[in-house]
Amino acid sequence: MSYAQRPRAYYYRYEYGLKQPSVFGAAVLGTALHGALAQLYQDWHYQDPLPSEEWLRYCWENQIGALTATQVEERWQILRRYVETEIVPLRVMQRPLATEGRIQGLIQVNGLEFKLTGRYDRLNSLEEGVDLIDYKSAKNPTMPTNPGSLTHSADTTSHSAGCLTLEVMPLKRF
């Protein structure tokens, strides 16, 4: 790892002496999965109905620089399972409206106006609106106790291998 590639991780590792993956390793794992999914959706040509496993492997291998061999294989299985359960059943991979972006809006509550800002991993177009997707990867994911209060849809999909899970959460349909 070089300072130019990951300045903060470099600082923690070499200035504080922290070893991977205890402190910043989890972020690296999530970043790798997010990066592979972003490239999968952004760079796919959409001329064939579904991306090949070779394309998925290419997207994954572009993201694995900071992972151990064990992490690479475990997360590869999660990524493959995601494609098999989320994309393949549709028979055609849908082009998202956008990937890896920022969103903001205004909301009024009891006469007070609040500005909300956030990040999304993918925006999908639906007949009834837009699906804002946020990927979550965690060893022991916890879902909101009342997802309906936070989202229009409580649909979530988990893809697990061992004890790591990739959650696909439609946060809001609007």
Protein backbone atom coordinates (compact mmCIF):
# COMPACT_ATOMS: atom_id res chain seq x y z
CA MET A 1 0.00 0.00 0.00
CA SER A 2 1.32 3.43 -0.84
CA TYR A 3 0.39 6.82 0.57
CA ALA A 4 -0.91 7.91 -2.85
CA GLN A 5 -3.32 4.93 -3.04
CA ARG A 6 -4.85 5.22 0.44
CA PRO A 7 -3.50 8.14 2.51
CA ARG A 8 -5.61 7.52 5.61
CA ALA A 9 -4.98 3.76 5.66
CA TYR A 10 -1.27 4.42 5.17
CA TYR A 11 -1.26 6.85 8.07
CA TYR A 12 -3.04 4.41 10.42
CA ARG A 13 -0.82 1.53 9.43
CA TYR A 14 2.58 3.20 9.41
CA GLU A 15 2.13 6.10 11.86
CA TYR A 16 -0.05 4.32 14.43
CA GLY A 17 1.19 0.80 13.70
CA LEU A 18 -2.32 -0.62 13.24
CA LYS A 19 -2.47 -3.83 11.24
CA GLN A 20 -5.09 -4.86 8.72
CA PRO A 21 -7.95 -5.66 8.98
CA SER A 22 -8.66 -4.73 12.59
CA VAL A 23 -9.37 -1.02 12.16
CA PHE A 24 -9.57 -0.10 8.50
CA GLY A 25 -9.88 -3.60 7.03
CA ALA A 26 -13.67 -3.67 7.17
CA ALA A 27 -13.84 -0.47 5.14
CA VAL A 28 -11.48 -1.96 2.56
CA LEU A 29 -13.71 -5.04 2.26
CA GLY A 30 -16.83 -2.94 1.79
CA THR A 31 -15.06 -0.64 -0.65
CA ALA A 32 -13.98 -3.62 -2.76
CA LEU A 33 -17.53 -5.01 -2.97
CA HIS A 34 -19.00 -1.57 -3.70
CA GLY A 35 -16.35 -0.86 -6.33
CA ALA A 36 -16.96 -4.15 -8.12
CA LEU A 37 -20.73 -3.62 -8.17
CA ALA A 38 -20.32 -0.02 -9.36
CA GLN A 39 -18.08 -1.13 -12.22
CA LEU A 40 -20.40 -4.03 -13.02
CA TYR A 41 -23.33 -1.66 -13.53
CA GLN A 42 -21.48 1.37 -14.93
CA ASP A 43 -19.21 -0.27 -17.48
CA TRP A 44 -21.34 -3.16 -18.75
CA HIS A 45 -22.21 -2.62 -22.41
CA TYR A 46 -25.83 -3.87 -22.02
CA GLN A 47 -25.79 -5.40 -25.52
CA ASP A 48 -26.07 -8.92 -24.04
CA PRO A 49 -28.85 -9.61 -21.56
CA LEU A 50 -26.52 -10.69 -18.74
CA PRO A 51 -22.87 -10.10 -17.96
CA SER A 52 -20.59 -13.11 -18.17
CA GLU A 53 -18.73 -14.53 -15.20
CA GLU A 54 -15.55 -13.32 -16.91
CA TRP A 55 -16.86 -9.75 -16.81
CA LEU A 56 -17.80 -10.11 -13.15
CA ARG A 57 -14.33 -11.53 -12.38
CA TYR A 58 -12.73 -8.61 -14.27
CA CYS A 59 -14.73 -6.08 -12.21
CA TRP A 60 -13.79 -7.89 -9.00
CA GLU A 61 -10.09 -8.17 -9.81
CA ASN A 62 -9.91 -4.40 -10.36
CA GLN A 63 -10.89 -3.92 -6.70
CA ILE A 64 -8.92 -6.50 -4.71
CA GLY A 65 -5.50 -4.88 -4.33
CA ALA A 66 -5.64 -4.48 -0.53
CA LEU A 67 -7.29 -7.83 0.29
CA THR A 68 -5.74 -11.09 1.46
CA ALA A 69 -6.20 -14.24 -0.63
CA THR A 70 -8.82 -15.53 1.83
CA GLN A 71 -10.74 -12.25 1.73
CA VAL A 72 -10.61 -12.23 -2.06
CA GLU A 73 -12.17 -15.69 -2.30
CA GLU A 74 -14.81 -15.13 0.41
CA ARG A 75 -15.96 -11.82 -1.09
CA TRP A 76 -15.86 -13.25 -4.62
CA GLN A 77 -18.42 -15.84 -3.48
CA ILE A 78 -20.62 -13.08 -2.05
CA LEU A 79 -20.41 -11.14 -5.29
CA ARG A 80 -21.25 -14.23 -7.37
CA ARG A 81 -24.20 -15.05 -5.10
CA TYR A 82 -25.45 -11.48 -5.46
CA VAL A 83 -25.42 -11.76 -9.26
CA GLU A 84 -27.08 -15.19 -9.16
CA THR A 85 -29.93 -14.02 -6.90
CA GLU A 86 -30.40 -10.36 -7.92
CA ILE A 87 -29.52 -10.17 -11.62
CA VAL A 88 -29.82 -13.61 -13.23
CA PRO A 89 -33.51 -14.16 -12.23
CA LEU A 90 -34.41 -10.95 -14.09
CA ARG A 91 -32.97 -12.51 -17.29
CA VAL A 92 -31.76 -9.07 -18.34
CA MET A 93 -29.51 -6.81 -16.29
CA GLN A 94 -31.29 -3.49 -15.99
CA ARG A 95 -29.24 -0.35 -16.59
CA PRO A 96 -29.50 1.85 -13.49
CA LEU A 97 -30.27 5.54 -13.70
CA ALA A 98 -27.09 6.22 -11.73
CA THR A 99 -24.49 4.58 -9.50
CA GLU A 100 -22.38 5.81 -6.59
CA GLY A 101 -23.74 9.30 -6.18
CA ARG A 102 -25.05 11.94 -3.84
CA ILE A 103 -28.65 12.91 -3.26
CA GLN A 104 -30.23 15.80 -1.41
CA GLY A 105 -33.68 17.09 -0.73
CA LEU A 106 -35.86 19.08 1.61
CA ILE A 107 -38.39 17.68 4.05
CA GLN A 108 -40.87 19.45 6.28
CA VAL A 109 -41.72 18.09 9.71
CA ASN A 110 -44.08 19.95 12.03
CA GLY A 111 -43.57 23.18 10.13
CA LEU A 112 -39.77 22.93 10.19
CA GLU A 113 -37.80 22.44 7.00
CA PHE A 114 -34.76 20.16 6.99
CA LYS A 115 -32.19 19.63 4.28
CA LEU A 116 -31.29 15.95 3.86
CA THR A 117 -28.18 14.82 2.07
CA GLY A 118 -26.76 11.37 1.55
CA ARG A 119 -25.11 8.91 -0.77
CA TYR A 120 -26.60 6.08 -2.78
CA ASP A 121 -25.03 3.08 -4.42
CA ARG A 122 -27.53 2.70 -7.24
CA LEU A 123 -30.73 4.33 -8.52
CA ASN A 124 -33.11 2.07 -10.45
CA SER A 125 -36.05 3.23 -12.51
CA LEU A 126 -39.38 1.57 -11.69
CA GLU A 127 -42.83 2.02 -13.18
CA GLU A 128 -43.99 3.53 -9.89
CA GLY A 129 -40.93 5.70 -9.31
CA VAL A 130 -37.27 5.35 -8.40
CA ASP A 131 -35.59 2.76 -6.20
CA LEU A 132 -32.67 4.14 -4.17
CA ILE A 133 -30.34 1.22 -3.37
CA ASP A 134 -27.73 1.12 -0.62
CA TYR A 135 -25.43 -1.91 -0.29
CA LYS A 136 -24.43 -2.90 3.21
CA SER A 137 -21.73 -5.39 4.01
CA ALA A 138 -21.22 -6.47 7.59
CA LYS A 139 -20.33 -9.52 9.60
CA ASN A 140 -23.51 -9.30 11.66
CA PRO A 141 -25.90 -6.97 9.87
CA THR A 142 -28.77 -5.51 11.84
CA MET A 143 -31.81 -4.35 10.02
CA PRO A 144 -34.04 -1.56 11.33
CA THR A 145 -36.64 -2.90 13.75
CA ASN A 146 -39.39 -1.22 11.77
CA PRO A 147 -38.11 -0.86 8.19
CA GLY A 148 -41.52 0.30 6.97
CA SER A 149 -41.12 3.49 8.96
CA LEU A 150 -37.93 4.30 7.05
CA THR A 151 -38.82 3.04 3.62
CA HIS A 152 -41.73 2.55 1.32
CA SER A 153 -40.51 -0.99 0.79
CA ALA A 154 -39.18 -3.29 3.49
CA ASP A 155 -37.70 -5.62 0.87
CA THR A 156 -34.14 -6.57 1.61
CA THR A 157 -31.99 -9.28 0.17
CA SER A 158 -29.06 -10.91 1.96
CA HIS A 159 -26.17 -12.67 0.27
CA SER A 160 -23.99 -14.42 2.79
CA ALA A 161 -20.88 -16.54 2.76
CA GLY A 162 -19.67 -17.59 6.13
CA CYS A 163 -20.56 -14.75 8.45
CA LEU A 164 -20.24 -11.83 6.03
CA THR A 165 -23.41 -10.56 4.42
CA LEU A 166 -24.11 -8.14 1.60
CA GLU A 167 -27.45 -6.43 2.17
CA VAL A 168 -29.29 -4.81 -0.70
CA MET A 169 -31.67 -2.29 0.78
CA PRO A 170 -34.15 -0.29 -1.26
CA LEU A 171 -34.15 2.79 0.94
CA LYS A 172 -36.88 4.79 -0.70
CA ARG A 173 -39.21 4.52 -3.63
CA PHE A 174 -40.28 7.94 -4.79
